[in-house]
Amino acid sequence: MGGVISPSMNLEPEKTGTDFSALGVARVLAGLTILALAAVAVLVVLDVIPRTAFAEVAGKTAMVAGICVVSAIAIGFLSRR
């Protein structure tokens, strides 16, 4: 039976459950960013963080979130095959 390939044979490599897609990484990063922003907002509402301090940090937090989103998108484009 040398060299005969039956139509039922699958020549594609099997995918494992541990394959992380770039979109999955982006969703995880987005979820973590949302949770972090929500935690900061709760701390401001409860006056654990003063509003004046939050005003200083809010811009930086938004910039860090933007950097995470842009990085995740860039990783997604680079990891496409």
Protein backbone atom coordinates (compact mmCIF):
# COMPACT_ATOMS: atom_id res chain seq x y z
CA MET A 1 0.00 0.00 0.00
CA GLY A 2 2.78 2.41 -0.73
CA GLY A 3 1.70 5.93 -1.67
CA VAL A 4 -2.04 5.39 -1.77
CA ILE A 5 -4.02 8.02 0.12
CA SER A 6 -7.61 7.26 0.88
CA PRO A 7 -10.14 10.13 0.76
CA SER A 8 -11.03 9.57 4.38
CA MET A 9 -7.52 10.39 5.62
CA ASN A 10 -7.15 13.82 7.19
CA LEU A 11 -3.85 15.47 6.33
CA GLU A 12 -4.53 18.61 8.37
CA PRO A 13 -2.81 18.84 11.75
CA GLU A 14 -5.11 18.36 14.69
CA LYS A 15 -5.84 21.49 16.71
CA THR A 16 -5.42 21.32 20.44
CA GLY A 17 -7.51 23.12 23.02
CA THR A 18 -4.53 25.17 24.22
CA ASP A 19 -4.25 27.25 21.03
CA PHE A 20 -4.76 30.88 22.08
CA SER A 21 -5.90 33.14 19.30
CA ALA A 22 -4.96 36.79 19.19
CA LEU A 23 -8.62 37.69 19.46
CA GLY A 24 -8.83 35.69 22.68
CA VAL A 25 -5.84 37.56 24.08
CA ALA A 26 -7.44 40.87 23.09
CA ARG A 27 -10.67 39.88 24.85
CA VAL A 28 -8.79 38.93 28.00
CA LEU A 29 -6.88 42.22 27.99
CA ALA A 30 -10.08 44.16 27.39
CA GLY A 31 -11.81 42.32 30.22
CA LEU A 32 -8.96 42.96 32.63
CA THR A 33 -8.89 46.63 31.66
CA ILE A 34 -12.62 46.98 32.24
CA LEU A 35 -12.34 45.28 35.63
CA ALA A 36 -9.45 47.54 36.64
CA LEU A 37 -11.37 50.67 35.64
CA ALA A 38 -14.45 49.44 37.48
CA ALA A 39 -12.39 48.79 40.62
CA VAL A 40 -10.92 52.30 40.48
CA ALA A 41 -14.39 53.79 39.96
CA VAL A 42 -15.73 51.90 43.00
CA LEU A 43 -12.83 53.18 45.10
CA VAL A 44 -13.62 56.76 44.00
CA VAL A 45 -17.32 56.35 44.80
CA LEU A 46 -16.49 54.99 48.25
CA ASP A 47 -14.07 57.93 48.81
CA VAL A 48 -11.11 55.61 49.29
CA ILE A 49 -9.48 57.56 46.46
CA PRO A 50 -10.18 61.31 46.59
CA ARG A 51 -11.76 62.79 43.45
CA THR A 52 -8.84 65.19 42.98
CA ALA A 53 -6.37 62.30 42.95
CA PHE A 54 -8.62 60.39 40.56
CA ALA A 55 -8.71 63.34 38.17
CA GLU A 56 -4.91 63.23 37.96
CA VAL A 57 -4.83 59.47 37.44
CA ALA A 58 -7.84 59.18 35.09
CA GLY A 59 -6.01 60.51 32.05
CA LYS A 60 -3.06 58.22 32.61
CA THR A 61 -5.36 55.25 33.17
CA ALA A 62 -7.16 55.94 29.89
CA MET A 63 -3.85 56.20 28.07
CA VAL A 64 -2.66 52.86 29.53
CA ALA A 65 -5.94 51.23 28.51
CA GLY A 66 -5.53 52.62 25.00
CA ILE A 67 -1.99 51.30 24.79
CA CYS A 68 -3.22 47.84 25.86
CA VAL A 69 -5.95 47.85 23.22
CA VAL A 70 -3.64 49.01 20.43
CA SER A 71 -1.02 46.45 21.47
CA ALA A 72 -3.57 43.65 21.45
CA ILE A 73 -4.76 44.67 17.98
CA ALA A 74 -1.16 44.79 16.71
CA ILE A 75 -0.47 41.34 18.16
CA GLY A 76 -3.62 40.09 16.44
CA PHE A 77 -2.45 41.36 13.06
CA LEU A 78 1.04 39.96 13.53
CA SER A 79 -0.13 36.52 14.59
CA ARG A 80 -2.43 35.96 11.60
CA ARG A 81 -1.18 33.31 9.23
